Amino acid sequence: MSNKRHFERVFFGTEVILEVEGQRYKEKLVDISLKGALISMDQPIPLSGIGECRLVIRLSDDVAMLFKTLPVHFEEKRMGLKFVEADTETLAHLRRLLELNTGDPEEIERELHFLVSDS
């Protein structure tokens, strides 16, 4: 039996910006969790040897979530990104987004406790 932890993923199709070595790519968010995001790309992005990327998710004209990320997997025109850093405001927005879209704030709270205790 696998001991791998599962983090609730929320389907959230919106436009995002992925910044890679000064280049900005408009892509589409497929889903998001406390640990990372899955994006859909129109064209493959050259990521050979690239480390951190920056992901920008606009929630409104004046509210955005900003994450430092690492690419962790690729499948066709999709890329999985692991969140490695975010400010407290971004984390608060992410938590609220997940709570509203899962309908289960208690599960998100459990995941947050696991995430904090696992770091």
PDB file of N, CA and C in Angstrom:
ATOM      1  N   MET A   1       0.841  -1.185   0.000  1.00  0.00           N
ATOM      2  CA  MET A   1       0.000   0.000   0.000  1.00  0.00           C
ATOM      3  C   MET A   1       0.881   1.241   0.000  1.00  0.00           C
ATOM      4  N   SER A   2       0.571   2.172  -0.825  1.00  0.00           N
ATOM      5  CA  SER A   2       1.350   3.395  -0.945  1.00  0.00           C
ATOM      6  C   SER A   2       1.023   4.354   0.199  1.00  0.00           C
ATOM      7  N   ASN A   3       2.065   4.997   0.715  1.00  0.00           N
ATOM      8  CA  ASN A   3       1.893   5.991   1.770  1.00  0.00           C
ATOM      9  C   ASN A   3       1.878   7.407   1.186  1.00  0.00           C
ATOM     10  N   LYS A   4       1.762   7.500  -0.114  1.00  0.00           N
ATOM     11  CA  LYS A   4       1.777   8.800  -0.783  1.00  0.00           C
ATOM     12  C   LYS A   4       0.546   9.607  -0.385  1.00  0.00           C
ATOM     13  N   ARG A   5       0.768  10.868  -0.012  1.00  0.00           N
ATOM     14  CA  ARG A   5      -0.328  11.741   0.402  1.00  0.00           C
ATOM     15  C   ARG A   5      -1.034  12.309  -0.812  1.00  0.00           C
ATOM     16  N   HIS A   6      -2.326  12.454  -0.694  1.00  0.00           N
ATOM     17  CA  HIS A   6      -3.126  13.023  -1.774  1.00  0.00           C
ATOM     18  C   HIS A   6      -3.588  14.410  -1.360  1.00  0.00           C
ATOM     19  N   PHE A   7      -3.418  15.364  -2.253  1.00  0.00           N
ATOM     20  CA  PHE A   7      -3.904  16.714  -2.016  1.00  0.00           C
ATOM     21  C   PHE A   7      -5.046  16.975  -2.975  1.00  0.00           C
ATOM     22  N   GLU A   8      -6.133  17.470  -2.441  1.00  0.00           N
ATOM     23  CA  GLU A   8      -7.343  17.744  -3.223  1.00  0.00           C
ATOM     24  C   GLU A   8      -7.023  18.696  -4.372  1.00  0.00           C
ATOM     25  N   ARG A   9      -7.348  18.271  -5.588  1.00  0.00           N
ATOM     26  CA  ARG A   9      -7.133  19.100  -6.771  1.00  0.00           C
ATOM     27  C   ARG A   9      -8.458  19.711  -7.191  1.00  0.00           C
ATOM     28  N   VAL A  10      -8.405  20.959  -7.591  1.00  0.00           N
ATOM     29  CA  VAL A  10      -9.598  21.676  -8.019  1.00  0.00           C
ATOM     30  C   VAL A  10      -9.431  22.043  -9.491  1.00  0.00           C
ATOM     31  N   PHE A  11     -10.404  21.661 -10.300  1.00  0.00           N
ATOM     32  CA  PHE A  11     -10.390  22.066 -11.701  1.00  0.00           C
ATOM     33  C   PHE A  11     -10.736  23.547 -11.758  1.00  0.00           C
ATOM     34  N   PHE A  12      -9.862  24.309 -12.385  1.00  0.00           N
ATOM     35  CA  PHE A  12     -10.008  25.760 -12.381  1.00  0.00           C
ATOM     36  C   PHE A  12      -9.425  26.295 -13.682  1.00  0.00           C
ATOM     37  N   GLY A  13     -10.197  26.250 -14.739  1.00  0.00           N
ATOM     38  CA  GLY A  13      -9.727  26.659 -16.058  1.00  0.00           C
ATOM     39  C   GLY A  13      -9.676  28.165 -16.205  1.00  0.00           C
ATOM     40  N   THR A  14      -8.498  28.718 -16.088  1.00  0.00           N
ATOM     41  CA  THR A  14      -8.302  30.154 -16.258  1.00  0.00           C
ATOM     42  C   THR A  14      -6.956  30.386 -16.919  1.00  0.00           C
ATOM     43  N   GLU A  15      -6.782  31.553 -17.484  1.00  0.00           N
ATOM     44  CA  GLU A  15      -5.500  31.882 -18.099  1.00  0.00           C
ATOM     45  C   GLU A  15      -4.472  32.177 -17.018  1.00  0.00           C
ATOM     46  N   VAL A  16      -3.236  31.729 -17.261  1.00  0.00           N
ATOM     47  CA  VAL A  16      -2.126  31.990 -16.351  1.00  0.00           C
ATOM     48  C   VAL A  16      -0.941  32.494 -17.170  1.00  0.00           C
ATOM     49  N   ILE A  17       0.010  33.068 -16.470  1.00  0.00           N
ATOM     50  CA  ILE A  17       1.276  33.463 -17.091  1.00  0.00           C
ATOM     51  C   ILE A  17       2.368  32.609 -16.459  1.00  0.00           C
ATOM     52  N   LEU A  18       3.164  31.970 -17.294  1.00  0.00           N
ATOM     53  CA  LEU A  18       4.333  31.231 -16.832  1.00  0.00           C
ATOM     54  C   LEU A  18       5.560  32.007 -17.294  1.00  0.00           C
ATOM     55  N   GLU A  19       6.393  32.418 -16.337  1.00  0.00           N
ATOM     56  CA  GLU A  19       7.605  33.170 -16.656  1.00  0.00           C
ATOM     57  C   GLU A  19       8.802  32.243 -16.530  1.00  0.00           C
ATOM     58  N   VAL A  20       9.529  32.108 -17.654  1.00  0.00           N
ATOM     59  CA  VAL A  20      10.691  31.229 -17.721  1.00  0.00           C
ATOM     60  C   VAL A  20      11.846  32.035 -18.294  1.00  0.00           C
ATOM     61  N   GLU A  21      12.876  32.257 -17.482  1.00  0.00           N
ATOM     62  CA  GLU A  21      14.069  32.993 -17.902  1.00  0.00           C
ATOM     63  C   GLU A  21      13.737  34.277 -18.664  1.00  0.00           C
ATOM     64  N   GLY A  22      12.861  35.086 -18.093  1.00  0.00           N
ATOM     65  CA  GLY A  22      12.517  36.372 -18.680  1.00  0.00           C
ATOM     66  C   GLY A  22      11.474  36.325 -19.788  1.00  0.00           C
ATOM     67  N   GLN A  23      11.108  35.146 -20.235  1.00  0.00           N
ATOM     68  CA  GLN A  23      10.064  34.997 -21.252  1.00  0.00           C
ATOM     69  C   GLN A  23       8.731  34.749 -20.562  1.00  0.00           C
ATOM     70  N   ARG A  24       7.664  35.345 -21.103  1.00  0.00           N
ATOM     71  CA  ARG A  24       6.318  35.164 -20.536  1.00  0.00           C
ATOM     72  C   ARG A  24       5.472  34.367 -21.517  1.00  0.00           C
ATOM     73  N   TYR A  25       4.824  33.319 -21.003  1.00  0.00           N
ATOM     74  CA  TYR A  25       3.966  32.462 -21.818  1.00  0.00           C
ATOM     75  C   TYR A  25       2.555  32.481 -21.242  1.00  0.00           C
ATOM     76  N   LYS A  26       1.571  32.779 -22.093  1.00  0.00           N
ATOM     77  CA  LYS A  26       0.172  32.698 -21.665  1.00  0.00           C
ATOM     78  C   LYS A  26      -0.281  31.262 -21.860  1.00  0.00           C
ATOM     79  N   GLU A  27      -0.675  30.641 -20.762  1.00  0.00           N
ATOM     80  CA  GLU A  27      -1.107  29.248 -20.794  1.00  0.00           C
ATOM     81  C   GLU A  27      -2.443  29.130 -20.076  1.00  0.00           C
ATOM     82  N   LYS A  28      -2.933  27.905 -19.929  1.00  0.00           N
ATOM     83  CA  LYS A  28      -4.228  27.688 -19.274  1.00  0.00           C
ATOM     84  C   LYS A  28      -4.040  26.780 -18.061  1.00  0.00           C
ATOM     85  N   LEU A  29      -4.602  27.200 -16.945  1.00  0.00           N
ATOM     86  CA  LEU A  29      -4.591  26.380 -15.743  1.00  0.00           C
ATOM     87  C   LEU A  29      -5.635  25.286 -15.891  1.00  0.00           C
ATOM     88  N   VAL A  30      -5.232  24.048 -15.635  1.00  0.00           N
ATOM     89  CA  VAL A  30      -6.158  22.912 -15.685  1.00  0.00           C
ATOM     90  C   VAL A  30      -6.699  22.646 -14.286  1.00  0.00           C
ATOM     91  N   ASP A  31      -5.765  22.456 -13.331  1.00  0.00           N
ATOM     92  CA  ASP A  31      -6.183  22.271 -11.945  1.00  0.00           C
ATOM     93  C   ASP A  31      -5.091  22.748 -11.004  1.00  0.00           C
ATOM     94  N   ILE A  32      -5.475  22.840  -9.719  1.00  0.00           N
ATOM     95  CA  ILE A  32      -4.574  23.399  -8.718  1.00  0.00           C
ATOM     96  C   ILE A  32      -4.822  22.704  -7.387  1.00  0.00           C
ATOM     97  N   SER A  33      -3.759  22.587  -6.580  1.00  0.00           N
ATOM     98  CA  SER A  33      -3.858  22.036  -5.229  1.00  0.00           C
ATOM     99  C   SER A  33      -2.924  22.842  -4.332  1.00  0.00           C
ATOM    100  N   LEU A  34      -2.834  22.440  -3.069  1.00  0.00           N
ATOM    101  CA  LEU A  34      -1.909  23.120  -2.164  1.00  0.00           C
ATOM    102  C   LEU A  34      -0.458  22.900  -2.563  1.00  0.00           C
ATOM    103  N   LYS A  35      -0.173  21.809  -3.266  1.00  0.00           N
ATOM    104  CA  LYS A  35       1.200  21.455  -3.629  1.00  0.00           C
ATOM    105  C   LYS A  35       1.638  21.940  -4.998  1.00  0.00           C
ATOM    106  N   GLY A  36       0.675  22.199  -5.902  1.00  0.00           N
ATOM    107  CA  GLY A  36       1.100  22.581  -7.237  1.00  0.00           C
ATOM    108  C   GLY A  36      -0.057  22.773  -8.190  1.00  0.00           C
ATOM    109  N   ALA A  37       0.298  22.873  -9.472  1.00  0.00           N
ATOM    110  CA  ALA A  37      -0.701  23.148 -10.503  1.00  0.00           C
ATOM    111  C   ALA A  37      -0.374  22.357 -11.764  1.00  0.00           C
ATOM    112  N   LEU A  38      -1.409  22.090 -12.539  1.00  0.00           N
ATOM    113  CA  LEU A  38      -1.261  21.476 -13.850  1.00  0.00           C
ATOM    114  C   LEU A  38      -1.696  22.510 -14.872  1.00  0.00           C
ATOM    115  N   ILE A  39      -0.813  22.794 -15.839  1.00  0.00           N
ATOM    116  CA  ILE A  39      -1.163  23.761 -16.877  1.00  0.00           C
ATOM    117  C   ILE A  39      -1.163  23.085 -18.241  1.00  0.00           C
ATOM    118  N   SER A  40      -1.954  23.650 -19.133  1.00  0.00           N
ATOM    119  CA  SER A  40      -2.032  23.198 -20.514  1.00  0.00           C
ATOM    120  C   SER A  40      -1.342  24.245 -21.377  1.00  0.00           C
ATOM    121  N   MET A  41      -0.465  23.782 -22.274  1.00  0.00           N
ATOM    122  CA  MET A  41       0.325  24.694 -23.097  1.00  0.00           C
ATOM    123  C   MET A  41      -0.107  24.603 -24.554  1.00  0.00           C
ATOM    124  N   ASP A  42      -0.166  25.749 -25.231  1.00  0.00           N
ATOM    125  CA  ASP A  42      -0.438  25.753 -26.669  1.00  0.00           C
ATOM    126  C   ASP A  42       0.732  25.153 -27.434  1.00  0.00           C
ATOM    127  N   GLN A  43       1.933  25.552 -27.060  1.00  0.00           N
ATOM    128  CA  GLN A  43       3.166  25.074 -27.685  1.00  0.00           C
ATOM    129  C   GLN A  43       4.119  24.627 -26.583  1.00  0.00           C
ATOM    130  N   PRO A  44       4.958  23.633 -26.867  1.00  0.00           N
ATOM    131  CA  PRO A  44       5.942  23.231 -25.857  1.00  0.00           C
ATOM    132  C   PRO A  44       6.849  24.408 -25.487  1.00  0.00           C
ATOM    133  N   ILE A  45       7.172  24.497 -24.223  1.00  0.00           N
ATOM    134  CA  ILE A  45       8.060  25.546 -23.729  1.00  0.00           C
ATOM    135  C   ILE A  45       9.440  24.932 -23.552  1.00  0.00           C
ATOM    136  N   PRO A  46      10.495  25.583 -24.053  1.00  0.00           N
ATOM    137  CA  PRO A  46      11.848  25.032 -23.899  1.00  0.00           C
ATOM    138  C   PRO A  46      12.298  25.112 -22.438  1.00  0.00           C
ATOM    139  N   LEU A  47      12.292  23.970 -21.762  1.00  0.00           N
ATOM    140  CA  LEU A  47      12.632  23.957 -20.335  1.00  0.00           C
ATOM    141  C   LEU A  47      13.881  23.146 -20.029  1.00  0.00           C
ATOM    142  N   SER A  48      14.619  22.762 -21.034  1.00  0.00           N
ATOM    143  CA  SER A  48      15.814  21.961 -20.820  1.00  0.00           C
ATOM    144  C   SER A  48      16.793  22.708 -19.912  1.00  0.00           C
ATOM    145  N   GLY A  49      17.110  22.107 -18.781  1.00  0.00           N
ATOM    146  CA  GLY A  49      18.046  22.711 -17.848  1.00  0.00           C
ATOM    147  C   GLY A  49      17.488  23.862 -17.036  1.00  0.00           C
ATOM    148  N   ILE A  50      16.199  24.128 -17.148  1.00  0.00           N
ATOM    149  CA  ILE A  50      15.576  25.233 -16.422  1.00  0.00           C
ATOM    150  C   ILE A  50      15.223  24.767 -15.013  1.00  0.00           C
ATOM    151  N   GLY A  51      15.463  25.621 -14.048  1.00  0.00           N
ATOM    152  CA  GLY A  51      15.073  25.323 -12.679  1.00  0.00           C
ATOM    153  C   GLY A  51      13.729  25.942 -12.368  1.00  0.00           C
ATOM    154  N   GLU A  52      13.756  26.966 -11.530  1.00  0.00           N
ATOM    155  CA  GLU A  52      12.510  27.593 -11.096  1.00  0.00           C
ATOM    156  C   GLU A  52      11.855  28.421 -12.195  1.00  0.00           C
ATOM    157  N   CYS A  53      10.536  28.415 -12.172  1.00  0.00           N
ATOM    158  CA  CYS A  53       9.707  29.260 -13.036  1.00  0.00           C
ATOM    159  C   CYS A  53       8.781  30.046 -12.111  1.00  0.00           C
ATOM    160  N   ARG A  54       8.164  31.068 -12.641  1.00  0.00           N
ATOM    161  CA  ARG A  54       7.194  31.832 -11.858  1.00  0.00           C
ATOM    162  C   ARG A  54       5.825  31.679 -12.510  1.00  0.00           C
ATOM    163  N   LEU A  55       4.832  31.346 -11.698  1.00  0.00           N
ATOM    164  CA  LEU A  55       3.463  31.176 -12.175  1.00  0.00           C
ATOM    165  C   LEU A  55       2.608  32.300 -11.607  1.00  0.00           C
ATOM    166  N   VAL A  56       1.884  32.988 -12.487  1.00  0.00           N
ATOM    167  CA  VAL A  56       1.005  34.087 -12.087  1.00  0.00           C
ATOM    168  C   VAL A  56      -0.425  33.696 -12.441  1.00  0.00           C
ATOM    169  N   ILE A  57      -1.291  33.657 -11.432  1.00  0.00           N
ATOM    170  CA  ILE A  57      -2.703  33.325 -11.629  1.00  0.00           C
ATOM    171  C   ILE A  57      -3.520  34.534 -11.191  1.00  0.00           C
ATOM    172  N   ARG A  58      -4.160  35.193 -12.143  1.00  0.00           N
ATOM    173  CA  ARG A  58      -4.990  36.368 -11.836  1.00  0.00           C
ATOM    174  C   ARG A  58      -6.368  35.911 -11.396  1.00  0.00           C
ATOM    175  N   LEU A  59      -6.789  36.386 -10.229  1.00  0.00           N
ATOM    176  CA  LEU A  59      -8.126  36.087  -9.723  1.00  0.00           C
ATOM    177  C   LEU A  59      -9.100  37.206 -10.069  1.00  0.00           C
ATOM    178  N   SER A  60      -8.559  38.413 -10.220  1.00  0.00           N
ATOM    179  CA  SER A  60      -9.344  39.582 -10.635  1.00  0.00           C
ATOM    180  C   SER A  60      -8.354  40.609 -11.168  1.00  0.00           C
ATOM    181  N   ASP A  61      -8.849  41.772 -11.558  1.00  0.00           N
ATOM    182  CA  ASP A  61      -7.953  42.807 -12.085  1.00  0.00           C
ATOM    183  C   ASP A  61      -6.887  43.227 -11.079  1.00  0.00           C
ATOM    184  N   ASP A  62      -7.226  43.197  -9.794  1.00  0.00           N
ATOM    185  CA  ASP A  62      -6.282  43.669  -8.786  1.00  0.00           C
ATOM    186  C   ASP A  62      -5.787  42.589  -7.827  1.00  0.00           C
ATOM    187  N   VAL A  63      -6.115  41.324  -8.078  1.00  0.00           N
ATOM    188  CA  VAL A  63      -5.675  40.237  -7.203  1.00  0.00           C
ATOM    189  C   VAL A  63      -5.038  39.134  -8.044  1.00  0.00           C
ATOM    190  N   ALA A  64      -3.795  38.776  -7.665  1.00  0.00           N
ATOM    191  CA  ALA A  64      -3.098  37.692  -8.359  1.00  0.00           C
ATOM    192  C   ALA A  64      -2.387  36.819  -7.338  1.00  0.00           C
ATOM    193  N   MET A  65      -2.270  35.540  -7.658  1.00  0.00           N
ATOM    194  CA  MET A  65      -1.465  34.618  -6.863  1.00  0.00           C
ATOM    195  C   MET A  65      -0.150  34.432  -7.612  1.00  0.00           C
ATOM    196  N   LEU A  66       0.967  34.562  -6.888  1.00  0.00           N
ATOM    197  CA  LEU A  66       2.299  34.455  -7.479  1.00  0.00           C
ATOM    198  C   LEU A  66       3.054  33.319  -6.808  1.00  0.00           C
ATOM    199  N   PHE A  67       3.536  32.375  -7.607  1.00  0.00           N
ATOM    200  CA  PHE A  67       4.247  31.217  -7.079  1.00  0.00           C
ATOM    201  C   PHE A  67       5.593  31.048  -7.767  1.00  0.00           C
ATOM    202  N   LYS A  68       6.628  30.697  -6.999  1.00  0.00           N
ATOM    203  CA  LYS A  68       7.840  30.136  -7.581  1.00  0.00           C
ATOM    204  C   LYS A  68       7.549  28.650  -7.703  1.00  0.00           C
ATOM    205  N   THR A  69       7.869  28.077  -8.863  1.00  0.00           N
ATOM    206  CA  THR A  69       7.530  26.677  -9.111  1.00  0.00           C
ATOM    207  C   THR A  69       8.708  25.933  -9.724  1.00  0.00           C
ATOM    208  N   LEU A  70       8.613  24.616  -9.665  1.00  0.00           N
ATOM    209  CA  LEU A  70       9.536  23.730 -10.374  1.00  0.00           C
ATOM    210  C   LEU A  70       8.727  22.824 -11.279  1.00  0.00           C
ATOM    211  N   PRO A  71       9.118  22.685 -12.545  1.00  0.00           N
ATOM    212  CA  PRO A  71       8.451  21.708 -13.411  1.00  0.00           C
ATOM    213  C   PRO A  71       8.783  20.304 -12.901  1.00  0.00           C
ATOM    214  N   VAL A  72       7.753  19.479 -12.704  1.00  0.00           N
ATOM    215  CA  VAL A  72       7.995  18.134 -12.179  1.00  0.00           C
ATOM    216  C   VAL A  72       7.574  17.024 -13.130  1.00  0.00           C
ATOM    217  N   HIS A  73       6.674  17.308 -14.058  1.00  0.00           N
ATOM    218  CA  HIS A  73       6.343  16.293 -15.062  1.00  0.00           C
ATOM    219  C   HIS A  73       5.714  16.936 -16.288  1.00  0.00           C
ATOM    220  N   PHE A  74       5.861  16.234 -17.399  1.00  0.00           N
ATOM    221  CA  PHE A  74       5.322  16.684 -18.683  1.00  0.00           C
ATOM    222  C   PHE A  74       4.553  15.536 -19.303  1.00  0.00           C
ATOM    223  N   GLU A  75       3.428  15.828 -19.916  1.00  0.00           N
ATOM    224  CA  GLU A  75       2.672  14.832 -20.661  1.00  0.00           C
ATOM    225  C   GLU A  75       1.983  15.551 -21.810  1.00  0.00           C
ATOM    226  N   GLU A  76       2.411  15.239 -23.012  1.00  0.00           N
ATOM    227  CA  GLU A  76       1.918  15.907 -24.214  1.00  0.00           C
ATOM    228  C   GLU A  76       2.038  17.419 -24.046  1.00  0.00           C
ATOM    229  N   LYS A  77       0.930  18.137 -24.046  1.00  0.00           N
ATOM    230  CA  LYS A  77       0.993  19.601 -23.907  1.00  0.00           C
ATOM    231  C   LYS A  77       0.595  20.060 -22.510  1.00  0.00           C
ATOM    232  N   ARG A  78       0.862  19.215 -21.528  1.00  0.00           N
ATOM    233  CA  ARG A  78       0.569  19.573 -20.135  1.00  0.00           C
ATOM    234  C   ARG A  78       1.837  19.502 -19.305  1.00  0.00           C
ATOM    235  N   MET A  79       1.918  20.396 -18.320  1.00  0.00           N
ATOM    236  CA  MET A  79       3.066  20.428 -17.433  1.00  0.00           C
ATOM    237  C   MET A  79       2.597  20.526 -15.989  1.00  0.00           C
ATOM    238  N   GLY A  80       3.155  19.667 -15.139  1.00  0.00           N
ATOM    239  CA  GLY A  80       2.894  19.733 -13.711  1.00  0.00           C
ATOM    240  C   GLY A  80       3.943  20.596 -13.039  1.00  0.00           C
ATOM    241  N   LEU A  81       3.493  21.520 -12.218  1.00  0.00           N
ATOM    242  CA  LEU A  81       4.386  22.435 -11.511  1.00  0.00           C
ATOM    243  C   LEU A  81       4.230  22.241 -10.012  1.00  0.00           C
ATOM    244  N   LYS A  82       5.346  22.139  -9.320  1.00  0.00           N
ATOM    245  CA  LYS A  82       5.337  22.044  -7.858  1.00  0.00           C
ATOM    246  C   LYS A  82       5.595  23.432  -7.294  1.00  0.00           C
ATOM    247  N   PHE A  83       4.751  23.852  -6.347  1.00  0.00           N
ATOM    248  CA  PHE A  83       4.970  25.142  -5.692  1.00  0.00           C
ATOM    249  C   PHE A  83       6.153  25.017  -4.735  1.00  0.00           C
ATOM    250  N   VAL A  84       7.103  25.945  -4.842  1.00  0.00           N
ATOM    251  CA  VAL A  84       8.241  25.941  -3.927  1.00  0.00           C
ATOM    252  C   VAL A  84       8.270  27.180  -3.032  1.00  0.00           C
ATOM    253  N   GLU A  85       7.563  28.236  -3.456  1.00  0.00           N
ATOM    254  CA  GLU A  85       7.518  29.442  -2.624  1.00  0.00           C
ATOM    255  C   GLU A  85       6.326  30.304  -3.015  1.00  0.00           C
ATOM    256  N   ALA A  86       5.701  30.884  -2.000  1.00  0.00           N
ATOM    257  CA  ALA A  86       4.592  31.825  -2.213  1.00  0.00           C
ATOM    258  C   ALA A  86       4.480  32.688  -0.965  1.00  0.00           C
ATOM    259  N   ASP A  87       4.016  33.916  -1.145  1.00  0.00           N
ATOM    260  CA  ASP A  87       3.846  34.792   0.014  1.00  0.00           C
ATOM    261  C   ASP A  87       2.554  34.435   0.758  1.00  0.00           C
ATOM    262  N   THR A  88       2.379  35.007   1.930  1.00  0.00           N
ATOM    263  CA  THR A  88       1.220  34.654   2.759  1.00  0.00           C
ATOM    264  C   THR A  88      -0.099  35.068   2.121  1.00  0.00           C
ATOM    265  N   GLU A  89      -0.105  36.180   1.403  1.00  0.00           N
ATOM    266  CA  GLU A  89      -1.338  36.612   0.737  1.00  0.00           C
ATOM    267  C   GLU A  89      -1.748  35.608  -0.347  1.00  0.00           C
ATOM    268  N   THR A  90      -0.778  35.142  -1.121  1.00  0.00           N
ATOM    269  CA  THR A  90      -1.058  34.133  -2.149  1.00  0.00           C
ATOM    270  C   THR A  90      -1.582  32.852  -1.512  1.00  0.00           C
ATOM    271  N   LEU A  91      -0.955  32.424  -0.421  1.00  0.00           N
ATOM    272  CA  LEU A  91      -1.406  31.199   0.251  1.00  0.00           C
ATOM    273  C   LEU A  91      -2.819  31.352   0.808  1.00  0.00           C
ATOM    274  N   ALA A  92      -3.142  32.532   1.314  1.00  0.00           N
ATOM    275  CA  ALA A  92      -4.501  32.773   1.817  1.00  0.00           C
ATOM    276  C   ALA A  92      -5.517  32.701   0.680  1.00  0.00           C
ATOM    277  N   HIS A  93      -5.177  33.282  -0.473  1.00  0.00           N
ATOM    278  CA  HIS A  93      -6.076  33.210  -1.639  1.00  0.00           C
ATOM    279  C   HIS A  93      -6.229  31.765  -2.119  1.00  0.00           C
ATOM    280  N   LEU A  94      -5.117  31.029  -2.147  1.00  0.00           N
ATOM    281  CA  LEU A  94      -5.167  29.627  -2.587  1.00  0.00           C
ATOM    282  C   LEU A  94      -6.035  28.805  -1.647  1.00  0.00           C
ATOM    283  N   ARG A  95      -5.841  28.992  -0.359  1.00  0.00           N
ATOM    284  CA  ARG A  95      -6.647  28.254   0.618  1.00  0.00           C
ATOM    285  C   ARG A  95      -8.139  28.530   0.409  1.00  0.00           C
ATOM    286  N   ARG A  96      -8.489  29.788   0.255  1.00  0.00           N
ATOM    287  CA  ARG A  96      -9.901  30.160   0.079  1.00  0.00           C
ATOM    288  C   ARG A  96     -10.461  29.601  -1.228  1.00  0.00           C
ATOM    289  N   LEU A  97      -9.681  29.662  -2.286  1.00  0.00           N
ATOM    290  CA  LEU A  97     -10.094  29.112  -3.576  1.00  0.00           C
ATOM    291  C   LEU A  97     -10.391  27.617  -3.454  1.00  0.00           C
ATOM    292  N   LEU A  98      -9.509  26.897  -2.771  1.00  0.00           N
ATOM    293  CA  LEU A  98      -9.699  25.454  -2.598  1.00  0.00           C
ATOM    294  C   LEU A  98     -10.901  25.156  -1.706  1.00  0.00           C
ATOM    295  N   GLU A  99     -11.046  25.910  -0.625  1.00  0.00           N
ATOM    296  CA  GLU A  99     -12.193  25.700   0.263  1.00  0.00           C
ATOM    297  C   GLU A  99     -13.510  25.910  -0.472  1.00  0.00           C
ATOM    298  N   LEU A 100     -13.597  26.985  -1.238  1.00  0.00           N
ATOM    299  CA  LEU A 100     -14.841  27.294  -1.953  1.00  0.00           C
ATOM    300  C   LEU A 100     -15.155  26.269  -3.037  1.00  0.00           C
ATOM    301  N   ASN A 101     -14.123  25.766  -3.707  1.00  0.00           N
ATOM    302  CA  ASN A 101     -14.347  24.875  -4.836  1.00  0.00           C
ATOM    303  C   ASN A 101     -14.422  23.402  -4.467  1.00  0.00           C
ATOM    304  N   THR A 102     -13.947  23.031  -3.282  1.00  0.00           N
ATOM    305  CA  THR A 102     -14.101  21.636  -2.850  1.00  0.00           C
ATOM    306  C   THR A 102     -15.356  21.467  -2.007  1.00  0.00           C
ATOM    307  N   GLY A 103     -15.791  22.549  -1.369  1.00  0.00           N
ATOM    308  CA  GLY A 103     -16.925  22.444  -0.459  1.00  0.00           C
ATOM    309  C   GLY A 103     -16.568  21.723   0.828  1.00  0.00           C
ATOM    310  N   ASP A 104     -15.259  21.527   1.073  1.00  0.00           N
ATOM    311  CA  ASP A 104     -14.817  20.784   2.251  1.00  0.00           C
ATOM    312  C   ASP A 104     -13.657  21.514   2.936  1.00  0.00           C
ATOM    313  N   PRO A 105     -13.953  22.602   3.656  1.00  0.00           N
ATOM    314  CA  PRO A 105     -12.889  23.359   4.322  1.00  0.00           C
ATOM    315  C   PRO A 105     -12.085  22.520   5.319  1.00  0.00           C
ATOM    316  N   GLU A 106     -12.729  21.531   5.942  1.00  0.00           N
ATOM    317  CA  GLU A 106     -12.025  20.692   6.913  1.00  0.00           C
ATOM    318  C   GLU A 106     -10.925  19.877   6.237  1.00  0.00           C
ATOM    319  N   GLU A 107     -11.187  19.373   5.032  1.00  0.00           N
ATOM    320  CA  GLU A 107     -10.168  18.609   4.300  1.00  0.00           C
ATOM    321  C   GLU A 107      -8.985  19.504   3.941  1.00  0.00           C
ATOM    322  N   ILE A 108      -9.261  20.713   3.510  1.00  0.00           N
ATOM    323  CA  ILE A 108      -8.184  21.644   3.171  1.00  0.00           C
ATOM    324  C   ILE A 108      -7.374  21.969   4.422  1.00  0.00           C
ATOM    325  N   GLU A 109      -8.033  22.123   5.559  1.00  0.00           N
ATOM    326  CA  GLU A 109      -7.340  22.366   6.831  1.00  0.00           C
ATOM    327  C   GLU A 109      -6.421  21.195   7.180  1.00  0.00           C
ATOM    328  N   ARG A 110      -6.911  19.954   7.007  1.00  0.00           N
ATOM    329  CA  ARG A 110      -6.080  18.766   7.266  1.00  0.00           C
ATOM    330  C   ARG A 110      -4.862  18.755   6.343  1.00  0.00           C
ATOM    331  N   GLU A 111      -5.078  19.074   5.077  1.00  0.00           N
ATOM    332  CA  GLU A 111      -3.971  19.097   4.121  1.00  0.00           C
ATOM    333  C   GLU A 111      -2.947  20.159   4.498  1.00  0.00           C
ATOM    334  N   LEU A 112      -3.414  21.317   4.944  1.00  0.00           N
ATOM    335  CA  LEU A 112      -2.500  22.376   5.379  1.00  0.00           C
ATOM    336  C   LEU A 112      -1.659  21.919   6.563  1.00  0.00           C
ATOM    337  N   HIS A 113      -2.293  21.269   7.531  1.00  0.00           N
ATOM    338  CA  HIS A 113      -1.551  20.774   8.695  1.00  0.00           C
ATOM    339  C   HIS A 113      -0.515  19.746   8.269  1.00  0.00           C
ATOM    340  N   PHE A 114      -0.888  18.848   7.344  1.00  0.00           N
ATOM    341  CA  PHE A 114       0.067  17.859   6.859  1.00  0.00           C
ATOM    342  C   PHE A 114       1.219  18.542   6.135  1.00  0.00           C
ATOM    343  N   LEU A 115       0.894  19.505   5.295  1.00  0.00           N
ATOM    344  CA  LEU A 115       1.904  20.214   4.513  1.00  0.00           C
ATOM    345  C   LEU A 115       2.901  20.918   5.428  1.00  0.00           C
ATOM    346  N   VAL A 116       2.406  21.588   6.456  1.00  0.00           N
ATOM    347  CA  VAL A 116       3.270  22.313   7.390  1.00  0.00           C
ATOM    348  C   VAL A 116       4.110  21.343   8.212  1.00  0.00           C
ATOM    349  N   SER A 117       3.525  20.248   8.666  1.00  0.00           N
ATOM    350  CA  SER A 117       4.265  19.293   9.495  1.00  0.00           C
ATOM    351  C   SER A 117       5.262  18.487   8.682  1.00  0.00           C
ATOM    352  N   ASP A 118       5.055  18.392   7.361  1.00  0.00           N
ATOM    353  CA  ASP A 118       5.937  17.614   6.492  1.00  0.00           C
ATOM    354  C   ASP A 118       7.130  18.430   6.003  1.00  0.00           C
ATOM    355  N   SER A 119       7.127  19.765   6.202  1.00  0.00           N
ATOM    356  CA  SER A 119       8.223  20.586   5.674  1.00  0.00           C
ATOM    357  C   SER A 119       9.398  20.625   6.600  1.00  0.00           C
TER     358      SER A 119
END
